[in-house]
Every structure is written in C-alpha cells, then in structure tokens.
Amino acid sequence: GKTQVYLHLMEEVVKKGQQSFGIDHFDLNSSMQSLQTLRPDYIKVNAKKLDDISADGVSEAYQALRDLTKSLDIQLIAVGVDEKNLCDRLLAIGVDGVQGHFLGRSEDIR
C-alpha cells in the first residue's frame, strides 16, 4: 500500500544521498519486518523495557531482536539509563550503546 511505497522512497533517498538515519523511540511491539525494510543505522529503545524483557537472563524476545539487529548491522542503543546497575545489566546483555542521565545530565548550551 501507500506505506510500503513511502518507505521504499525514503530508503532510496537515504541511500542515494549516502545519509545515515535511525529510529528513536523504537517500539518493541513493532514489526521486526520494519527493520528489514528500513534498515536504519541504529534504533533507540527504552532501557527499562530492554531490561524487563531480559530480567531472567537473555530472553528469546531479546535474543531475536539482538540477532536481527546484528545481522542487519543496526546498532541497538538503550535510552533512559538513569542508574549504574541498569547500565551494567544492559551492557552485560550486549547493547551497543547507552544514553541517559546516569552518563550525564542535559545542559543549557546558551
């Protein structure tokens, strides 16, 4: 439908311009096929949601996401990391990067 045409056009524009792009606020309930179609350079996922789906070790859901992102060369970045323990757990399960107040507070640039 129209959505597929739009996604294809967006992909062509990005590739022709040799630009990179990512998906902020990636919803874990989204279709994983969207990652295969769009092939972003990174996705940002809520840190607490990633921690929840891997609370008892690496879950099948997390492993499927991780396998897909690795196979498509998509960086998995956890956002909203607000404490050291959370950061350590996420790094232990193999996220590519973390973002959040634990690493540094936002600053006024004026």
N, C-alpha and C. Protein backbone atom coordinates (compact mmCIF):
# COMPACT_ATOMS: atom_id res chain seq x y z
N GLY A 1 0.81 -1.18 0.00
CA GLY A 1 0.00 0.00 0.00
C GLY A 1 0.86 1.25 0.00
N LYS A 2 0.23 2.36 0.35
CA LYS A 2 0.91 3.65 0.36
C LYS A 2 2.09 3.67 1.32
N THR A 3 1.95 2.97 2.46
CA THR A 3 3.03 2.95 3.44
C THR A 3 4.28 2.30 2.86
N GLN A 4 4.13 1.19 2.16
CA GLN A 4 5.27 0.50 1.56
C GLN A 4 5.94 1.37 0.50
N VAL A 5 5.16 2.08 -0.29
CA VAL A 5 5.71 2.98 -1.31
C VAL A 5 6.50 4.09 -0.63
N TYR A 6 5.93 4.65 0.42
CA TYR A 6 6.60 5.73 1.15
C TYR A 6 7.93 5.23 1.73
N LEU A 7 7.91 4.05 2.35
CA LEU A 7 9.12 3.50 2.95
C LEU A 7 10.18 3.25 1.90
N HIS A 8 9.76 2.74 0.74
CA HIS A 8 10.71 2.48 -0.34
C HIS A 8 11.33 3.78 -0.84
N LEU A 9 10.52 4.81 -1.02
CA LEU A 9 11.03 6.10 -1.47
C LEU A 9 12.00 6.70 -0.45
N MET A 10 11.65 6.60 0.82
CA MET A 10 12.52 7.13 1.87
C MET A 10 13.86 6.39 1.86
N GLU A 11 13.82 5.08 1.71
CA GLU A 11 15.04 4.28 1.68
C GLU A 11 15.92 4.70 0.50
N GLU A 12 15.31 4.91 -0.68
CA GLU A 12 16.07 5.32 -1.86
C GLU A 12 16.73 6.69 -1.66
N VAL A 13 16.00 7.63 -1.07
CA VAL A 13 16.54 8.98 -0.83
C VAL A 13 17.74 8.89 0.11
N VAL A 14 17.61 8.12 1.16
CA VAL A 14 18.69 7.99 2.13
C VAL A 14 19.91 7.33 1.49
N LYS A 15 19.70 6.25 0.74
CA LYS A 15 20.83 5.54 0.14
C LYS A 15 21.52 6.37 -0.93
N LYS A 16 20.75 7.05 -1.76
CA LYS A 16 21.34 7.85 -2.83
C LYS A 16 22.15 9.01 -2.26
N GLY A 17 21.67 9.58 -1.17
CA GLY A 17 22.39 10.68 -0.55
C GLY A 17 23.46 10.23 0.40
N GLN A 18 23.65 8.93 0.51
CA GLN A 18 24.62 8.34 1.42
C GLN A 18 24.49 8.91 2.83
N GLN A 19 23.25 9.06 3.25
CA GLN A 19 22.95 9.56 4.58
C GLN A 19 22.71 8.37 5.51
N SER A 20 22.86 8.63 6.79
CA SER A 20 22.51 7.60 7.75
C SER A 20 21.29 8.08 8.53
N PHE A 21 20.54 7.13 9.05
CA PHE A 21 19.39 7.50 9.85
C PHE A 21 19.10 6.41 10.86
N GLY A 22 18.34 6.78 11.86
CA GLY A 22 17.97 5.82 12.88
C GLY A 22 16.54 6.03 13.30
N ILE A 23 16.10 5.15 14.18
CA ILE A 23 14.74 5.24 14.70
C ILE A 23 14.83 5.48 16.20
N ASP A 24 14.39 6.65 16.62
CA ASP A 24 14.31 6.97 18.05
C ASP A 24 13.00 6.41 18.57
N HIS A 25 12.95 6.02 19.81
CA HIS A 25 11.74 5.51 20.45
C HIS A 25 11.18 4.29 19.72
N PHE A 26 12.06 3.37 19.34
CA PHE A 26 11.59 2.16 18.65
C PHE A 26 10.73 1.35 19.61
N ASP A 27 9.54 0.99 19.15
CA ASP A 27 8.59 0.24 19.96
C ASP A 27 8.84 -1.25 19.77
N LEU A 28 9.12 -1.94 20.86
CA LEU A 28 9.41 -3.37 20.77
C LEU A 28 8.22 -4.18 20.26
N ASN A 29 7.03 -3.59 20.27
CA ASN A 29 5.86 -4.27 19.74
C ASN A 29 5.73 -4.09 18.23
N SER A 30 6.61 -3.28 17.65
CA SER A 30 6.58 -3.05 16.20
C SER A 30 7.00 -4.31 15.46
N SER A 31 6.62 -4.35 14.22
CA SER A 31 7.00 -5.48 13.38
C SER A 31 8.51 -5.44 13.14
N MET A 32 9.13 -6.57 13.35
CA MET A 32 10.57 -6.65 13.08
C MET A 32 10.84 -6.52 11.59
N GLN A 33 9.79 -6.75 10.78
CA GLN A 33 9.96 -6.61 9.34
C GLN A 33 10.26 -5.16 8.97
N SER A 34 9.78 -4.22 9.80
CA SER A 34 10.07 -2.82 9.51
C SER A 34 11.58 -2.56 9.57
N LEU A 35 12.29 -3.28 10.42
CA LEU A 35 13.75 -3.12 10.47
C LEU A 35 14.39 -3.67 9.20
N GLN A 36 13.86 -4.77 8.71
CA GLN A 36 14.39 -5.35 7.47
C GLN A 36 14.10 -4.45 6.28
N THR A 37 12.95 -3.80 6.29
CA THR A 37 12.58 -2.92 5.19
C THR A 37 13.37 -1.62 5.23
N LEU A 38 13.42 -0.99 6.40
CA LEU A 38 14.05 0.32 6.52
C LEU A 38 15.57 0.27 6.66
N ARG A 39 16.05 -0.75 7.33
CA ARG A 39 17.48 -0.91 7.59
C ARG A 39 18.12 0.36 8.14
N PRO A 40 17.64 0.82 9.30
CA PRO A 40 18.24 2.02 9.89
C PRO A 40 19.65 1.71 10.39
N ASP A 41 20.42 2.75 10.64
CA ASP A 41 21.76 2.56 11.18
C ASP A 41 21.72 2.25 12.67
N TYR A 42 20.68 2.74 13.33
CA TYR A 42 20.52 2.45 14.76
C TYR A 42 19.05 2.49 15.13
N ILE A 43 18.73 1.85 16.24
CA ILE A 43 17.42 2.02 16.87
C ILE A 43 17.67 2.33 18.33
N LYS A 44 16.84 3.20 18.87
CA LYS A 44 16.91 3.54 20.29
C LYS A 44 15.68 2.97 20.97
N VAL A 45 15.93 2.20 22.03
CA VAL A 45 14.86 1.51 22.74
C VAL A 45 14.93 1.88 24.21
N ASN A 46 13.78 2.03 24.83
CA ASN A 46 13.71 2.36 26.25
C ASN A 46 14.50 1.33 27.06
N ALA A 47 15.41 1.81 27.89
CA ALA A 47 16.29 0.94 28.67
C ALA A 47 15.53 0.03 29.61
N LYS A 48 14.51 0.56 30.25
CA LYS A 48 13.76 -0.24 31.21
C LYS A 48 12.99 -1.38 30.52
N LYS A 49 12.51 -1.11 29.30
CA LYS A 49 11.83 -2.17 28.55
C LYS A 49 12.81 -3.27 28.15
N LEU A 50 14.00 -2.87 27.72
CA LEU A 50 15.02 -3.86 27.38
C LEU A 50 15.40 -4.68 28.61
N ASP A 51 15.51 -4.00 29.74
CA ASP A 51 15.85 -4.68 30.99
C ASP A 51 14.74 -5.64 31.39
N ASP A 52 13.49 -5.22 31.20
CA ASP A 52 12.35 -6.08 31.55
C ASP A 52 12.32 -7.37 30.73
N ILE A 53 12.59 -7.25 29.42
CA ILE A 53 12.49 -8.45 28.59
C ILE A 53 13.69 -9.37 28.77
N SER A 54 14.69 -8.91 29.51
CA SER A 54 15.84 -9.78 29.75
C SER A 54 16.09 -9.94 31.25
N ALA A 55 15.04 -9.78 32.05
CA ALA A 55 15.17 -9.81 33.51
C ALA A 55 15.70 -11.14 34.04
N ASP A 56 15.30 -12.24 33.46
CA ASP A 56 15.75 -13.56 33.91
C ASP A 56 16.75 -14.14 32.93
N GLY A 57 17.79 -13.38 32.65
CA GLY A 57 18.74 -13.81 31.62
C GLY A 57 18.26 -13.30 30.28
N VAL A 58 18.95 -13.67 29.24
CA VAL A 58 18.60 -13.18 27.91
C VAL A 58 17.39 -13.96 27.39
N SER A 59 16.28 -13.25 27.23
CA SER A 59 15.03 -13.90 26.79
C SER A 59 15.07 -14.17 25.29
N GLU A 60 14.14 -15.01 24.85
CA GLU A 60 14.02 -15.28 23.42
C GLU A 60 13.68 -14.02 22.65
N ALA A 61 12.81 -13.18 23.24
CA ALA A 61 12.41 -11.93 22.57
C ALA A 61 13.62 -11.02 22.38
N TYR A 62 14.41 -10.87 23.44
CA TYR A 62 15.61 -10.02 23.32
C TYR A 62 16.59 -10.64 22.34
N GLN A 63 16.80 -11.95 22.43
CA GLN A 63 17.77 -12.60 21.54
C GLN A 63 17.36 -12.46 20.08
N ALA A 64 16.06 -12.55 19.80
CA ALA A 64 15.58 -12.39 18.42
C ALA A 64 15.86 -10.96 17.93
N LEU A 65 15.59 -9.97 18.79
CA LEU A 65 15.88 -8.59 18.44
C LEU A 65 17.37 -8.40 18.20
N ARG A 66 18.18 -8.93 19.11
CA ARG A 66 19.64 -8.76 19.01
C ARG A 66 20.19 -9.45 17.77
N ASP A 67 19.71 -10.66 17.48
CA ASP A 67 20.17 -11.37 16.29
C ASP A 67 19.83 -10.60 15.02
N LEU A 68 18.62 -10.05 14.98
CA LEU A 68 18.19 -9.30 13.79
C LEU A 68 19.01 -8.03 13.63
N THR A 69 19.18 -7.28 14.71
CA THR A 69 19.94 -6.02 14.59
C THR A 69 21.39 -6.30 14.20
N LYS A 70 21.96 -7.34 14.75
CA LYS A 70 23.35 -7.66 14.38
C LYS A 70 23.45 -8.09 12.92
N SER A 71 22.51 -8.92 12.48
CA SER A 71 22.57 -9.41 11.09
C SER A 71 22.38 -8.27 10.09
N LEU A 72 21.64 -7.24 10.48
CA LEU A 72 21.39 -6.10 9.59
C LEU A 72 22.34 -4.93 9.86
N ASP A 73 23.29 -5.13 10.77
CA ASP A 73 24.27 -4.10 11.14
C ASP A 73 23.58 -2.84 11.67
N ILE A 74 22.61 -3.06 12.55
CA ILE A 74 21.87 -1.97 13.20
C ILE A 74 22.33 -1.87 14.64
N GLN A 75 22.77 -0.69 15.06
CA GLN A 75 23.17 -0.51 16.45
C GLN A 75 21.94 -0.46 17.35
N LEU A 76 22.01 -1.15 18.47
CA LEU A 76 20.94 -1.16 19.47
C LEU A 76 21.37 -0.28 20.63
N ILE A 77 20.67 0.83 20.80
CA ILE A 77 21.03 1.81 21.83
C ILE A 77 19.91 1.90 22.86
N ALA A 78 20.27 1.71 24.12
CA ALA A 78 19.31 1.81 25.22
C ALA A 78 19.26 3.26 25.69
N VAL A 79 18.07 3.82 25.76
CA VAL A 79 17.92 5.22 26.20
C VAL A 79 17.15 5.27 27.52
N GLY A 80 17.42 6.32 28.28
CA GLY A 80 16.75 6.48 29.57
C GLY A 80 17.49 5.75 30.68
N VAL A 81 18.79 5.58 30.52
CA VAL A 81 19.60 4.90 31.54
C VAL A 81 19.86 5.89 32.66
N ASP A 82 19.29 5.60 33.84
CA ASP A 82 19.38 6.56 34.94
C ASP A 82 20.12 6.05 36.17
N GLU A 83 20.68 4.85 36.10
CA GLU A 83 21.42 4.33 37.25
C GLU A 83 22.49 3.35 36.78
N LYS A 84 23.55 3.22 37.57
CA LYS A 84 24.68 2.36 37.22
C LYS A 84 24.27 0.90 37.07
N ASN A 85 23.45 0.38 37.99
CA ASN A 85 23.06 -1.02 37.92
C ASN A 85 22.35 -1.34 36.61
N LEU A 86 21.46 -0.45 36.18
CA LEU A 86 20.76 -0.63 34.91
C LEU A 86 21.76 -0.61 33.75
N CYS A 87 22.66 0.34 33.78
CA CYS A 87 23.68 0.44 32.74
C CYS A 87 24.50 -0.85 32.66
N ASP A 88 24.92 -1.35 33.81
CA ASP A 88 25.72 -2.57 33.85
C ASP A 88 24.96 -3.77 33.29
N ARG A 89 23.67 -3.89 33.65
CA ARG A 89 22.86 -5.01 33.15
C ARG A 89 22.71 -4.94 31.63
N LEU A 90 22.48 -3.75 31.11
CA LEU A 90 22.29 -3.59 29.66
C LEU A 90 23.58 -3.89 28.90
N LEU A 91 24.69 -3.42 29.43
CA LEU A 91 25.97 -3.71 28.77
C LEU A 91 26.27 -5.21 28.82
N ALA A 92 25.87 -5.86 29.91
CA ALA A 92 26.09 -7.30 30.05
C ALA A 92 25.30 -8.11 29.03
N ILE A 93 24.12 -7.62 28.61
CA ILE A 93 23.34 -8.37 27.62
C ILE A 93 23.71 -7.98 26.18
N GLY A 94 24.64 -7.04 26.05
CA GLY A 94 25.20 -6.78 24.73
C GLY A 94 24.61 -5.64 23.92
N VAL A 95 23.99 -4.64 24.57
CA VAL A 95 23.55 -3.49 23.78
C VAL A 95 24.79 -2.78 23.24
N ASP A 96 24.63 -2.05 22.15
CA ASP A 96 25.77 -1.37 21.53
C ASP A 96 26.09 -0.04 22.19
N GLY A 97 25.10 0.56 22.83
CA GLY A 97 25.33 1.85 23.46
C GLY A 97 24.24 2.18 24.44
N VAL A 98 24.53 3.13 25.31
CA VAL A 98 23.55 3.58 26.30
C VAL A 98 23.53 5.10 26.30
N GLN A 99 22.37 5.64 26.67
CA GLN A 99 22.16 7.07 26.73
C GLN A 99 21.29 7.34 27.95
N GLY A 100 21.57 8.43 28.66
CA GLY A 100 20.70 8.77 29.77
C GLY A 100 21.38 9.61 30.83
N HIS A 101 20.60 9.97 31.84
CA HIS A 101 21.09 10.86 32.89
C HIS A 101 22.22 10.25 33.71
N PHE A 102 22.31 8.93 33.78
CA PHE A 102 23.41 8.31 34.51
C PHE A 102 24.75 8.74 33.92
N LEU A 103 24.80 8.90 32.60
CA LEU A 103 26.03 9.25 31.91
C LEU A 103 26.30 10.75 31.91
N GLY A 104 25.27 11.55 32.08
CA GLY A 104 25.44 12.99 32.10
C GLY A 104 24.10 13.68 31.96
N ARG A 105 23.92 14.72 32.69
CA ARG A 105 22.67 15.49 32.64
C ARG A 105 22.68 16.42 31.43
N SER A 106 21.50 16.75 30.94
CA SER A 106 21.38 17.72 29.86
C SER A 106 21.86 19.08 30.37
N GLU A 107 22.48 19.83 29.48
CA GLU A 107 22.98 21.13 29.86
C GLU A 107 22.42 22.19 28.93
N ASP A 108 22.24 23.39 29.48
CA ASP A 108 21.81 24.54 28.68
C ASP A 108 23.02 25.01 27.87
N ILE A 109 22.88 25.11 26.56
CA ILE A 109 24.03 25.48 25.73
C ILE A 109 24.11 26.98 25.45
N ARG A 110 23.19 27.73 26.06
CA ARG A 110 23.25 29.19 25.82
C ARG A 110 24.32 29.84 26.63
